PDB file of N, CA and C in Angstrom:
ATOM      1  N   MET A   1      73.982 119.358 191.147  1.00  0.00           N
ATOM      2  CA  MET A   1      74.241 120.926 190.512  1.00  0.00           C
ATOM      3  C   MET A   1      72.788 121.318 190.813  1.00  0.00           C
ATOM      4  N   ALA A   2      72.882 122.597 191.359  1.00  0.00           N
ATOM      5  CA  ALA A   2      72.120 123.196 192.193  1.00  0.00           C
ATOM      6  C   ALA A   2      71.272 124.146 191.278  1.00  0.00           C
ATOM      7  N   MET A   3      70.645 124.603 190.796  1.00  0.00           N
ATOM      8  CA  MET A   3      69.678 125.536 189.825  1.00  0.00           C
ATOM      9  C   MET A   3      69.538 126.699 190.981  1.00  0.00           C
ATOM     10  N   SER A   4      69.206 127.699 190.294  1.00  0.00           N
ATOM     11  CA  SER A   4      69.222 129.070 191.054  1.00  0.00           C
ATOM     12  C   SER A   4      67.950 129.120 190.968  1.00  0.00           C
ATOM     13  N   ASP A   5      67.075 129.782 191.876  1.00  0.00           N
ATOM     14  CA  ASP A   5      65.314 130.468 191.398  1.00  0.00           C
ATOM     15  C   ASP A   5      65.167 130.977 190.299  1.00  0.00           C
ATOM     16  N   GLU A   6      64.410 130.888 189.713  1.00  0.00           N
ATOM     17  CA  GLU A   6      63.562 131.271 188.533  1.00  0.00           C
ATOM     18  C   GLU A   6      62.281 131.737 188.491  1.00  0.00           C
ATOM     19  N   ASN A   7      62.103 133.044 187.983  1.00  0.00           N
ATOM     20  CA  ASN A   7      60.886 133.798 188.522  1.00  0.00           C
ATOM     21  C   ASN A   7      59.651 133.446 187.130  1.00  0.00           C
ATOM     22  N   ALA A   8      59.061 133.026 187.018  1.00  0.00           N
ATOM     23  CA  ALA A   8      57.791 132.964 185.670  1.00  0.00           C
ATOM     24  C   ALA A   8      56.967 133.897 186.120  1.00  0.00           C
ATOM     25  N   VAL A   9      56.154 134.827 185.239  1.00  0.00           N
ATOM     26  CA  VAL A   9      55.501 136.163 184.954  1.00  0.00           C
ATOM     27  C   VAL A   9      54.304 135.534 184.067  1.00  0.00           C
ATOM     28  N   VAL A  10      53.247 135.429 184.565  1.00  0.00           N
ATOM     29  CA  VAL A  10      51.912 134.790 183.848  1.00  0.00           C
ATOM     30  C   VAL A  10      50.811 136.433 184.327  1.00  0.00           C
ATOM     31  N   ILE A  11      50.626 136.680 183.230  1.00  0.00           N
ATOM     32  CA  ILE A  11      49.612 137.589 182.224  1.00  0.00           C
ATOM     33  C   ILE A  11      48.065 137.191 182.620  1.00  0.00           C
ATOM     34  N   THR A  12      47.394 137.391 183.581  1.00  0.00           N
ATOM     35  CA  THR A  12      46.312 136.745 183.595  1.00  0.00           C
ATOM     36  C   THR A  12      45.167 137.782 183.706  1.00  0.00           C
ATOM     37  N   ARG A  13      43.764 137.654 183.391  1.00  0.00           N
ATOM     38  CA  ARG A  13      42.652 138.375 183.784  1.00  0.00           C
ATOM     39  C   ARG A  13      42.241 137.770 184.974  1.00  0.00           C
ATOM     40  N   ARG A  14      41.034 138.672 185.791  1.00  0.00           N
ATOM     41  CA  ARG A  14      40.866 138.068 187.194  1.00  0.00           C
ATOM     42  C   ARG A  14      39.543 137.060 186.854  1.00  0.00           C
ATOM     43  N   LYS A  15      39.109 136.630 185.826  1.00  0.00           N
ATOM     44  CA  LYS A  15      38.433 135.113 185.806  1.00  0.00           C
ATOM     45  C   LYS A  15      39.584 134.025 186.230  1.00  0.00           C
ATOM     46  N   ASN A  16      40.619 134.433 185.394  1.00  0.00           N
ATOM     47  CA  ASN A  16      41.500 133.046 184.768  1.00  0.00           C
ATOM     48  C   ASN A  16      42.423 133.061 186.130  1.00  0.00           C
ATOM     49  N   ILE A  17      42.495 134.392 187.616  1.00  0.00           N
ATOM     50  CA  ILE A  17      43.512 134.354 188.600  1.00  0.00           C
ATOM     51  C   ILE A  17      43.193 132.864 189.717  1.00  0.00           C
ATOM     52  N   GLN A  18      42.120 132.485 190.004  1.00  0.00           N
ATOM     53  CA  GLN A  18      41.780 131.587 190.999  1.00  0.00           C
ATOM     54  C   GLN A  18      41.970 130.263 190.156  1.00  0.00           C
ATOM     55  N   THR A  19      41.907 130.111 189.267  1.00  0.00           N
ATOM     56  CA  THR A  19      42.461 128.332 188.880  1.00  0.00           C
ATOM     57  C   THR A  19      44.295 129.077 189.486  1.00  0.00           C
ATOM     58  N   LEU A  20      44.797 129.677 188.652  1.00  0.00           N
ATOM     59  CA  LEU A  20      46.415 129.849 189.034  1.00  0.00           C
ATOM     60  C   LEU A  20      46.625 129.766 190.539  1.00  0.00           C
ATOM     61  N   ILE A  21      45.667 130.833 191.233  1.00  0.00           N
ATOM     62  CA  ILE A  21      46.360 130.889 192.631  1.00  0.00           C
ATOM     63  C   ILE A  21      46.144 129.423 193.122  1.00  0.00           C
ATOM     64  N   ASP A  22      44.823 128.838 193.041  1.00  0.00           N
ATOM     65  CA  ASP A  22      44.506 127.075 193.317  1.00  0.00           C
ATOM     66  C   ASP A  22      45.688 126.121 192.988  1.00  0.00           C
ATOM     67  N   TYR A  23      46.385 126.523 191.908  1.00  0.00           N
ATOM     68  CA  TYR A  23      46.744 125.779 191.766  1.00  0.00           C
ATOM     69  C   TYR A  23      48.667 125.599 192.301  1.00  0.00           C
ATOM     70  N   CYS A  24      49.067 127.466 192.619  1.00  0.00           N
ATOM     71  CA  CYS A  24      50.024 127.578 193.460  1.00  0.00           C
ATOM     72  C   CYS A  24      49.976 126.914 194.834  1.00  0.00           C
ATOM     73  N   LEU A  25      48.754 127.341 195.186  1.00  0.00           N
ATOM     74  CA  LEU A  25      48.610 126.648 196.715  1.00  0.00           C
ATOM     75  C   LEU A  25      48.607 125.252 196.883  1.00  0.00           C
ATOM     76  N   ASP A  26      48.419 124.221 195.931  1.00  0.00           N
ATOM     77  CA  ASP A  26      48.376 123.319 195.893  1.00  0.00           C
ATOM     78  C   ASP A  26      49.687 122.669 195.897  1.00  0.00           C
ATOM     79  N   THR A  27      50.503 123.354 195.249  1.00  0.00           N
ATOM     80  CA  THR A  27      52.226 122.700 195.086  1.00  0.00           C
ATOM     81  C   THR A  27      53.186 123.426 195.935  1.00  0.00           C
ATOM     82  N   ARG A  28      52.553 124.493 196.597  1.00  0.00           N
ATOM     83  CA  ARG A  28      53.648 125.716 197.508  1.00  0.00           C
ATOM     84  C   ARG A  28      54.729 126.223 196.687  1.00  0.00           C
ATOM     85  N   LEU A  29      54.057 127.110 195.989  1.00  0.00           N
ATOM     86  CA  LEU A  29      54.791 127.666 195.296  1.00  0.00           C
ATOM     87  C   LEU A  29      54.757 129.053 196.242  1.00  0.00           C
ATOM     88  N   SER A  30      55.526 130.063 195.780  1.00  0.00           N
ATOM     89  CA  SER A  30      55.580 131.674 196.244  1.00  0.00           C
ATOM     90  C   SER A  30      54.650 132.055 195.068  1.00  0.00           C
ATOM     91  N   VAL A  31      53.725 133.152 195.506  1.00  0.00           N
ATOM     92  CA  VAL A  31      53.591 134.171 194.566  1.00  0.00           C
ATOM     93  C   VAL A  31      53.344 135.532 194.575  1.00  0.00           C
ATOM     94  N   THR A  32      53.988 135.975 193.773  1.00  0.00           N
ATOM     95  CA  THR A  32      53.348 137.514 194.365  1.00  0.00           C
ATOM     96  C   THR A  32      52.328 138.367 193.385  1.00  0.00           C
ATOM     97  N   ILE A  33      51.055 138.931 193.575  1.00  0.00           N
ATOM     98  CA  ILE A  33      50.573 139.597 192.583  1.00  0.00           C
ATOM     99  C   ILE A  33      50.646 141.064 192.289  1.00  0.00           C
ATOM    100  N   ASN A  34      50.686 141.514 191.447  1.00  0.00           N
ATOM    101  CA  ASN A  34      50.385 142.923 191.336  1.00  0.00           C
ATOM    102  C   ASN A  34      49.614 143.150 189.540  1.00  0.00           C
ATOM    103  N   PRO A  35      48.953 144.406 190.673  1.00  0.00           N
ATOM    104  CA  PRO A  35      47.345 144.418 189.537  1.00  0.00           C
ATOM    105  C   PRO A  35      48.650 145.556 188.066  1.00  0.00           C
ATOM    106  N   ARG A  36      47.974 145.629 186.721  1.00  0.00           N
ATOM    107  CA  ARG A  36      48.741 145.494 185.763  1.00  0.00           C
ATOM    108  C   ARG A  36      47.872 146.853 184.730  1.00  0.00           C
ATOM    109  N   GLY A  37      48.757 147.860 184.672  1.00  0.00           N
ATOM    110  CA  GLY A  37      48.513 149.218 184.531  1.00  0.00           C
ATOM    111  C   GLY A  37      46.910 149.961 184.957  1.00  0.00           C
ATOM    112  N   LEU A  38      46.760 150.220 183.781  1.00  0.00           N
ATOM    113  CA  LEU A  38      45.109 151.149 184.189  1.00  0.00           C
ATOM    114  C   LEU A  38      44.289 150.193 184.608  1.00  0.00           C
ATOM    115  N   SER A  39      43.773 148.779 183.259  1.00  0.00           N
ATOM    116  CA  SER A  39      42.752 148.332 183.535  1.00  0.00           C
ATOM    117  C   SER A  39      42.360 147.113 185.361  1.00  0.00           C
ATOM    118  N   ASN A  40      41.297 146.959 185.659  1.00  0.00           N
ATOM    119  CA  ASN A  40      41.141 146.307 186.816  1.00  0.00           C
ATOM    120  C   ASN A  40      41.511 145.105 186.703  1.00  0.00           C
ATOM    121  N   ASP A  41      41.087 144.829 185.745  1.00  0.00           N
ATOM    122  CA  ASP A  41      40.732 143.351 184.991  1.00  0.00           C
ATOM    123  C   ASP A  41      42.255 142.488 184.727  1.00  0.00           C
ATOM    124  N   GLU A  42      43.274 142.880 184.652  1.00  0.00           N
ATOM    125  CA  GLU A  42      44.586 142.239 184.370  1.00  0.00           C
ATOM    126  C   GLU A  42      45.240 142.515 185.595  1.00  0.00           C
ATOM    127  N   PHE A  43      46.132 141.007 185.455  1.00  0.00           N
ATOM    128  CA  PHE A  43      46.742 140.771 186.543  1.00  0.00           C
ATOM    129  C   PHE A  43      48.370 140.687 186.361  1.00  0.00           C
ATOM    130  N   GLU A  44      48.986 140.740 187.174  1.00  0.00           N
ATOM    131  CA  GLU A  44      51.025 140.183 186.231  1.00  0.00           C
ATOM    132  C   GLU A  44      50.790 139.263 187.705  1.00  0.00           C
ATOM    133  N   VAL A  45      50.890 137.862 187.238  1.00  0.00           N
ATOM    134  CA  VAL A  45      51.179 137.041 189.210  1.00  0.00           C
ATOM    135  C   VAL A  45      53.207 136.520 188.292  1.00  0.00           C
ATOM    136  N   GLU A  46      53.887 136.812 189.246  1.00  0.00           N
ATOM    137  CA  GLU A  46      55.581 136.048 189.432  1.00  0.00           C
ATOM    138  C   GLU A  46      54.921 135.205 190.530  1.00  0.00           C
ATOM    139  N   VAL A  47      55.617 133.971 189.515  1.00  0.00           N
ATOM    140  CA  VAL A  47      55.454 132.403 190.478  1.00  0.00           C
ATOM    141  C   VAL A  47      56.939 132.387 190.546  1.00  0.00           C
ATOM    142  N   VAL A  48      57.330 131.539 191.913  1.00  0.00           N
ATOM    143  CA  VAL A  48      59.091 131.328 192.083  1.00  0.00           C
ATOM    144  C   VAL A  48      58.903 129.942 191.420  1.00  0.00           C
ATOM    145  N   LEU A  49      59.699 129.583 191.153  1.00  0.00           N
ATOM    146  CA  LEU A  49      60.638 128.068 190.882  1.00  0.00           C
ATOM    147  C   LEU A  49      61.147 127.450 191.273  1.00  0.00           C
ATOM    148  N   ALA A  50      61.708 126.702 191.740  1.00  0.00           N
ATOM    149  CA  ALA A  50      62.831 126.046 192.441  1.00  0.00           C
ATOM    150  C   ALA A  50      63.872 125.325 191.486  1.00  0.00           C
ATOM    151  N   GLY A  51      62.933 125.007 191.133  1.00  0.00           N
ATOM    152  CA  GLY A  51      63.829 123.269 190.616  1.00  0.00           C
ATOM    153  C   GLY A  51      63.410 123.322 189.512  1.00  0.00           C
ATOM    154  N   ILE A  52      63.718 122.063 188.276  1.00  0.00           N
ATOM    155  CA  ILE A  52      63.446 122.316 187.094  1.00  0.00           C
ATOM    156  C   ILE A  52      62.288 121.245 186.689  1.00  0.00           C
ATOM    157  N   LYS A  53      61.989 120.255 188.241  1.00  0.00           N
ATOM    158  CA  LYS A  53      60.740 119.727 188.413  1.00  0.00           C
ATOM    159  C   LYS A  53      59.494 120.710 188.582  1.00  0.00           C
ATOM    160  N   GLN A  54      59.809 121.442 189.076  1.00  0.00           N
ATOM    161  CA  GLN A  54      58.455 123.059 189.765  1.00  0.00           C
ATOM    162  C   GLN A  54      58.070 123.155 188.178  1.00  0.00           C
ATOM    163  N   ALA A  55      59.245 123.431 187.740  1.00  0.00           N
ATOM    164  CA  ALA A  55      59.438 124.543 186.239  1.00  0.00           C
ATOM    165  C   ALA A  55      58.526 123.758 184.973  1.00  0.00           C
ATOM    166  N   ILE A  56      58.355 122.446 184.893  1.00  0.00           N
ATOM    167  CA  ILE A  56      57.787 121.707 184.120  1.00  0.00           C
ATOM    168  C   ILE A  56      56.749 121.828 184.459  1.00  0.00           C
ATOM    169  N   ALA A  57      56.295 120.572 185.182  1.00  0.00           N
ATOM    170  CA  ALA A  57      54.995 120.878 185.772  1.00  0.00           C
ATOM    171  C   ALA A  57      54.151 122.242 185.990  1.00  0.00           C
ATOM    172  N   PHE A  58      54.529 122.965 185.711  1.00  0.00           N
ATOM    173  CA  PHE A  58      53.992 124.227 185.728  1.00  0.00           C
ATOM    174  C   PHE A  58      54.088 125.176 184.570  1.00  0.00           C
ATOM    175  N   GLY A  59      55.242 125.313 183.818  1.00  0.00           N
ATOM    176  CA  GLY A  59      55.095 125.202 182.253  1.00  0.00           C
ATOM    177  C   GLY A  59      53.516 124.078 181.864  1.00  0.00           C
ATOM    178  N   MET A  60      53.317 122.712 182.302  1.00  0.00           N
ATOM    179  CA  MET A  60      52.396 121.430 181.769  1.00  0.00           C
ATOM    180  C   MET A  60      50.715 122.277 182.243  1.00  0.00           C
ATOM    181  N   PHE A  61      50.888 122.364 183.998  1.00  0.00           N
ATOM    182  CA  PHE A  61      50.012 123.364 183.551  1.00  0.00           C
ATOM    183  C   PHE A  61      49.477 125.041 182.919  1.00  0.00           C
ATOM    184  N   ALA A  62      50.615 125.788 182.690  1.00  0.00           N
ATOM    185  CA  ALA A  62      50.059 126.991 182.367  1.00  0.00           C
ATOM    186  C   ALA A  62      49.746 126.787 180.799  1.00  0.00           C
ATOM    187  N   ARG A  63      50.221 125.271 179.929  1.00  0.00           N
ATOM    188  CA  ARG A  63      50.088 125.156 178.457  1.00  0.00           C
ATOM    189  C   ARG A  63      48.932 124.402 178.693  1.00  0.00           C
ATOM    190  N   GLU A  64      47.960 123.309 179.709  1.00  0.00           N
ATOM    191  CA  GLU A  64      46.697 122.670 179.853  1.00  0.00           C
ATOM    192  C   GLU A  64      45.393 123.728 179.940  1.00  0.00           C
ATOM    193  N   ASN A  65      46.087 125.395 180.616  1.00  0.00           N
ATOM    194  CA  ASN A  65      45.235 126.469 180.916  1.00  0.00           C
ATOM    195  C   ASN A  65      44.976 127.533 180.291  1.00  0.00           C
ATOM    196  N   LYS A  66      45.963 127.266 178.947  1.00  0.00           N
ATOM    197  CA  LYS A  66      46.165 128.136 177.276  1.00  0.00           C
ATOM    198  C   LYS A  66      47.154 129.539 178.536  1.00  0.00           C
ATOM    199  N   LEU A  67      47.921 129.921 179.201  1.00  0.00           N
ATOM    200  CA  LEU A  67      48.267 130.493 180.152  1.00  0.00           C
ATOM    201  C   LEU A  67      49.729 131.001 178.901  1.00  0.00           C
ATOM    202  N   GLU A  68      49.905 131.833 178.897  1.00  0.00           N
ATOM    203  CA  GLU A  68      51.422 132.707 178.234  1.00  0.00           C
ATOM    204  C   GLU A  68      51.869 132.701 179.049  1.00  0.00           C
ATOM    205  N   VAL A  69      53.008 132.401 179.720  1.00  0.00           N
ATOM    206  CA  VAL A  69      54.110 132.457 180.428  1.00  0.00           C
ATOM    207  C   VAL A  69      55.509 133.330 180.238  1.00  0.00           C
ATOM    208  N   SER A  70      56.069 134.037 180.863  1.00  0.00           N
ATOM    209  CA  SER A  70      56.809 134.859 180.005  1.00  0.00           C
ATOM    210  C   SER A  70      57.799 135.565 181.585  1.00  0.00           C
ATOM    211  N   GLY A  71      59.399 136.012 181.378  1.00  0.00           N
ATOM    212  CA  GLY A  71      59.824 136.104 182.474  1.00  0.00           C
ATOM    213  C   GLY A  71      60.667 135.691 182.933  1.00  0.00           C
ATOM    214  N   LEU A  72      61.207 134.364 181.966  1.00  0.00           N
ATOM    215  CA  LEU A  72      62.126 133.859 182.117  1.00  0.00           C
ATOM    216  C   LEU A  72      63.778 134.083 182.074  1.00  0.00           C
ATOM    217  N   GLY A  73      63.573 135.328 181.009  1.00  0.00           N
ATOM    218  CA  GLY A  73      64.663 135.712 180.946  1.00  0.00           C
ATOM    219  C   GLY A  73      65.527 134.815 179.549  1.00  0.00           C
ATOM    220  N   ASP A  74      66.391 134.185 179.236  1.00  0.00           N
ATOM    221  CA  ASP A  74      66.893 133.804 179.040  1.00  0.00           C
ATOM    222  C   ASP A  74      66.309 132.335 177.687  1.00  0.00           C
ATOM    223  N   LEU A  75      65.983 131.743 178.889  1.00  0.00           N
ATOM    224  CA  LEU A  75      64.957 130.092 178.890  1.00  0.00           C
ATOM    225  C   LEU A  75      63.918 130.545 177.680  1.00  0.00           C
ATOM    226  N   VAL A  76      63.031 132.060 177.492  1.00  0.00           N
ATOM    227  CA  VAL A  76      62.422 132.259 176.508  1.00  0.00           C
ATOM    228  C   VAL A  76      62.636 132.226 175.349  1.00  0.00           C
ATOM    229  N   LYS A  77      62.236 131.088 174.559  1.00  0.00           N
ATOM    230  CA  LYS A  77      63.213 131.521 173.314  1.00  0.00           C
ATOM    231  C   LYS A  77      62.586 131.878 172.436  1.00  0.00           C
ATOM    232  N   PRO A  78      64.185 133.317 171.398  1.00  0.00           N
ATOM    233  CA  PRO A  78      63.951 133.888 170.346  1.00  0.00           C
ATOM    234  C   PRO A  78      62.629 133.297 169.613  1.00  0.00           C
ATOM    235  N   LYS A  79      62.798 134.931 168.762  1.00  0.00           N
ATOM    236  CA  LYS A  79      61.642 134.611 167.641  1.00  0.00           C
ATOM    237  C   LYS A  79      62.834 134.743 166.576  1.00  0.00           C
ATOM    238  N   SER A  80      62.053 133.881 165.707  1.00  0.00           N
ATOM    239  CA  SER A  80      63.288 133.789 164.701  1.00  0.00           C
ATOM    240  C   SER A  80      63.019 134.801 163.571  1.00  0.00           C
ATOM    241  N   VAL A  81      64.133 135.073 162.847  1.00  0.00           N
ATOM    242  CA  VAL A  81      64.446 136.133 161.987  1.00  0.00           C
ATOM    243  C   VAL A  81      64.474 135.425 160.413  1.00  0.00           C
ATOM    244  N   ALA A  82      63.241 136.180 159.577  1.00  0.00           N
ATOM    245  CA  ALA A  82      63.334 135.703 158.195  1.00  0.00           C
ATOM    246  C   ALA A  82      64.606 136.306 157.660  1.00  0.00           C
ATOM    247  N   LYS A  83      65.667 135.612 157.197  1.00  0.00           N
ATOM    248  CA  LYS A  83      66.298 135.691 155.945  1.00  0.00           C
ATOM    249  C   LYS A  83      66.025 136.613 154.815  1.00  0.00           C
ATOM    250  N   LYS A  84      66.523 137.642 154.243  1.00  0.00           N
ATOM    251  CA  LYS A  84      65.550 138.687 152.879  1.00  0.00           C
ATOM    252  C   LYS A  84      66.394 138.220 151.719  1.00  0.00           C
ATOM    253  N   ALA A  85      66.153 137.761 150.833  1.00  0.00           N
ATOM    254  CA  ALA A  85      66.434 136.750 149.760  1.00  0.00           C
ATOM    255  C   ALA A  85      67.358 137.774 149.013  1.00  0.00           C
ATOM    256  N   ASP A  86      68.740 137.567 148.691  1.00  0.00           N
ATOM    257  CA  ASP A  86      69.942 137.968 148.121  1.00  0.00           C
ATOM    258  C   ASP A  86      69.731 137.743 146.389  1.00  0.00           C
ATOM    259  N   PRO A  87      69.263 139.203 145.774  1.00  0.00           N
ATOM    260  CA  PRO A  87      69.121 139.273 144.174  1.00  0.00           C
ATOM    261  C   PRO A  87      70.111 137.989 143.373  1.00  0.00           C
ATOM    262  N   LYS A  88      71.633 138.511 144.266  1.00  0.00           N
ATOM    263  CA  LYS A  88      72.616 137.567 143.194  1.00  0.00           C
ATOM    264  C   LYS A  88      72.806 135.712 143.524  1.00  0.00           C
ATOM    265  N   ASP A  89      71.621 135.443 144.482  1.00  0.00           N
ATOM    266  CA  ASP A  89      71.327 134.494 144.767  1.00  0.00           C
ATOM    267  C   ASP A  89      70.533 133.382 143.496  1.00  0.00           C
ATOM    268  N   ASN A  90      71.055 132.338 143.149  1.00  0.00           N
ATOM    269  CA  ASN A  90      70.680 131.512 142.189  1.00  0.00           C
ATOM    270  C   ASN A  90      69.939 130.632 142.517  1.00  0.00           C
ATOM    271  N   THR A  91      70.027 130.099 143.532  1.00  0.00           N
ATOM    272  CA  THR A  91      68.958 128.944 144.497  1.00  0.00           C
ATOM    273  C   THR A  91      67.664 129.006 144.426  1.00  0.00           C
ATOM    274  N   PRO A  92      66.606 128.607 143.853  1.00  0.00           N
ATOM    275  CA  PRO A  92      65.166 128.302 144.051  1.00  0.00           C
ATOM    276  C   PRO A  92      64.431 129.099 145.553  1.00  0.00           C
ATOM    277  N   GLY A  93      63.572 129.743 145.605  1.00  0.00           N
ATOM    278  CA  GLY A  93      63.260 129.832 146.885  1.00  0.00           C
ATOM    279  C   GLY A  93      61.827 128.831 147.260  1.00  0.00           C
ATOM    280  N   LEU A  94      61.286 128.478 148.505  1.00  0.00           N
ATOM    281  CA  LEU A  94      60.532 127.965 148.637  1.00  0.00           C
ATOM    282  C   LEU A  94      59.214 127.980 147.200  1.00  0.00           C
ATOM    283  N   SER A  95      58.927 129.202 147.976  1.00  0.00           N
ATOM    284  CA  SER A  95      57.652 129.367 146.729  1.00  0.00           C
ATOM    285  C   SER A  95      57.642 128.822 145.350  1.00  0.00           C
ATOM    286  N   GLU A  96      58.633 128.209 144.612  1.00  0.00           N
ATOM    287  CA  GLU A  96      59.146 127.710 143.908  1.00  0.00           C
ATOM    288  C   GLU A  96      59.441 126.317 143.180  1.00  0.00           C
ATOM    289  N   LEU A  97      60.096 125.604 144.256  1.00  0.00           N
ATOM    290  CA  LEU A  97      59.908 124.450 144.643  1.00  0.00           C
ATOM    291  C   LEU A  97      58.502 123.985 144.883  1.00  0.00           C
ATOM    292  N   VAL A  98      57.440 124.882 145.621  1.00  0.00           N
ATOM    293  CA  VAL A  98      56.387 124.403 146.536  1.00  0.00           C
ATOM    294  C   VAL A  98      55.374 124.652 145.383  1.00  0.00           C
ATOM    295  N   SER A  99      55.255 125.208 144.089  1.00  0.00           N
ATOM    296  CA  SER A  99      54.791 125.412 142.873  1.00  0.00           C
ATOM    297  C   SER A  99      54.325 124.287 142.245  1.00  0.00           C
ATOM    298  N   GLU A 100      55.498 123.455 141.966  1.00  0.00           N
ATOM    299  CA  GLU A 100      55.340 121.999 140.569  1.00  0.00           C
ATOM    300  C   GLU A 100      54.831 120.734 141.817  1.00  0.00           C
ATOM    301  N   PRO A 101      53.438 120.213 141.953  1.00  0.00           N
ATOM    302  CA  PRO A 101      53.536 118.941 142.463  1.00  0.00           C
ATOM    303  C   PRO A 101      54.509 118.352 142.167  1.00  0.00           C
ATOM    304  N   ALA A 102      54.528 117.176 142.802  1.00  0.00           N
ATOM    305  CA  ALA A 102      55.425 115.923 142.846  1.00  0.00           C
ATOM    306  C   ALA A 102      54.636 114.902 142.331  1.00  0.00           C
ATOM    307  N   LYS A 103      55.170 114.243 141.064  1.00  0.00           N
ATOM    308  CA  LYS A 103      54.780 113.401 140.656  1.00  0.00           C
ATOM    309  C   LYS A 103      55.211 111.801 140.760  1.00  0.00           C
ATOM    310  N   GLU A 104      55.729 111.706 141.475  1.00  0.00           N
ATOM    311  CA  GLU A 104      56.228 110.326 142.333  1.00  0.00           C
ATOM    312  C   GLU A 104      55.257 109.453 142.979  1.00  0.00           C
ATOM    313  N   LYS A 105      55.371 108.652 142.848  1.00  0.00           N
ATOM    314  CA  LYS A 105      54.374 106.873 142.775  1.00  0.00           C
ATOM    315  C   LYS A 105      54.388 106.836 144.512  1.00  0.00           C
ATOM    316  N   GLU A 106      53.232 106.851 145.423  1.00  0.00           N
ATOM    317  CA  GLU A 106      53.245 106.543 146.721  1.00  0.00           C
ATOM    318  C   GLU A 106      53.168 105.041 146.855  1.00  0.00           C
ATOM    319  N   GLU A 107      54.380 104.752 147.849  1.00  0.00           N
ATOM    320  CA  GLU A 107      54.443 103.294 147.892  1.00  0.00           C
ATOM    321  C   GLU A 107      53.670 103.225 149.127  1.00  0.00           C
ATOM    322  N   PRO A 108      52.823 101.829 148.951  1.00  0.00           N
ATOM    323  CA  PRO A 108      51.981 101.501 150.536  1.00  0.00           C
ATOM    324  C   PRO A 108      53.129 101.251 151.690  1.00  0.00           C
ATOM    325  N   THR A 109      53.156 101.669 153.304  1.00  0.00           N
ATOM    326  CA  THR A 109      53.965 101.510 154.133  1.00  0.00           C
ATOM    327  C   THR A 109      53.556 100.620 155.288  1.00  0.00           C
ATOM    328  N   LEU A 110      52.093 100.010 155.310  1.00  0.00           N
ATOM    329  CA  LEU A 110      52.089  99.748 155.795  1.00  0.00           C
ATOM    330  C   LEU A 110      52.291  98.106 155.636  1.00  0.00           C
ATOM    331  N   SER A 111      52.661  97.287 156.281  1.00  0.00           N
ATOM    332  CA  SER A 111      52.861  95.517 156.268  1.00  0.00           C
ATOM    333  C   SER A 111      52.983  94.965 157.357  1.00  0.00           C
ATOM    334  N   PHE A 112      52.186  93.644 157.000  1.00  0.00           N
ATOM    335  CA  PHE A 112      51.975  92.728 158.420  1.00  0.00           C
ATOM    336  C   PHE A 112      53.112  91.272 158.247  1.00  0.00           C
ATOM    337  N   ASP A 113      53.103  91.216 159.427  1.00  0.00           N
ATOM    338  CA  ASP A 113      53.691  89.934 159.960  1.00  0.00           C
ATOM    339  C   ASP A 113      53.092  88.798 160.224  1.00  0.00           C
ATOM    340  N   LEU A 114      52.224  87.821 159.458  1.00  0.00           N
ATOM    341  CA  LEU A 114      51.141  87.193 159.475  1.00  0.00           C
ATOM    342  C   LEU A 114      51.742  85.875 160.633  1.00  0.00           C
ATOM    343  N   ASN A 115      53.291  85.517 160.547  1.00  0.00           N
ATOM    344  CA  ASN A 115      53.905  84.406 160.796  1.00  0.00           C
ATOM    345  C   ASN A 115      54.341  84.759 162.540  1.00  0.00           C
ATOM    346  N   VAL A 116      53.729  85.594 163.380  1.00  0.00           N
ATOM    347  CA  VAL A 116      54.133  86.508 164.486  1.00  0.00           C
ATOM    348  C   VAL A 116      52.983  85.883 165.233  1.00  0.00           C
ATOM    349  N   SER A 117      53.003  85.235 166.132  1.00  0.00           N
ATOM    350  CA  SER A 117      51.649  84.165 167.216  1.00  0.00           C
ATOM    351  C   SER A 117      52.283  85.027 168.224  1.00  0.00           C
ATOM    352  N   ASP A 118      51.312  85.808 169.078  1.00  0.00           N
ATOM    353  CA  ASP A 118      51.558  86.151 170.357  1.00  0.00           C
ATOM    354  C   ASP A 118      50.629  85.248 171.297  1.00  0.00           C
ATOM    355  N   ASN A 119      51.312  84.103 172.163  1.00  0.00           N
ATOM    356  CA  ASN A 119      50.027  83.651 172.857  1.00  0.00           C
ATOM    357  C   ASN A 119      50.611  83.667 174.739  1.00  0.00           C
TER     358      ASN A 119
END
């Protein structure tokens, strides 16, 4: 199964761009860098990812360096939309369920088996 090329776009400031360029040079990724808007300090870096392994590695690098990745089209997770409460609905809301503290006794979950020996 062949994966088509995907382009990830990272918007970064001048002080963080060297780290991104070094990563792309080390991993031999194709990069396009364009200045962004009227600001002299922000750049739009487009990285061409040729496969799933490159995409995962790049995502790990971006997360480690606190970079926000966008521009992956359908792969970007959609924002969740909050459901509005229907006045006809009689089910209790989350705030009503949370307001009453739970009065259940907690049982200990840690147990030891003293009959096992690893030699």
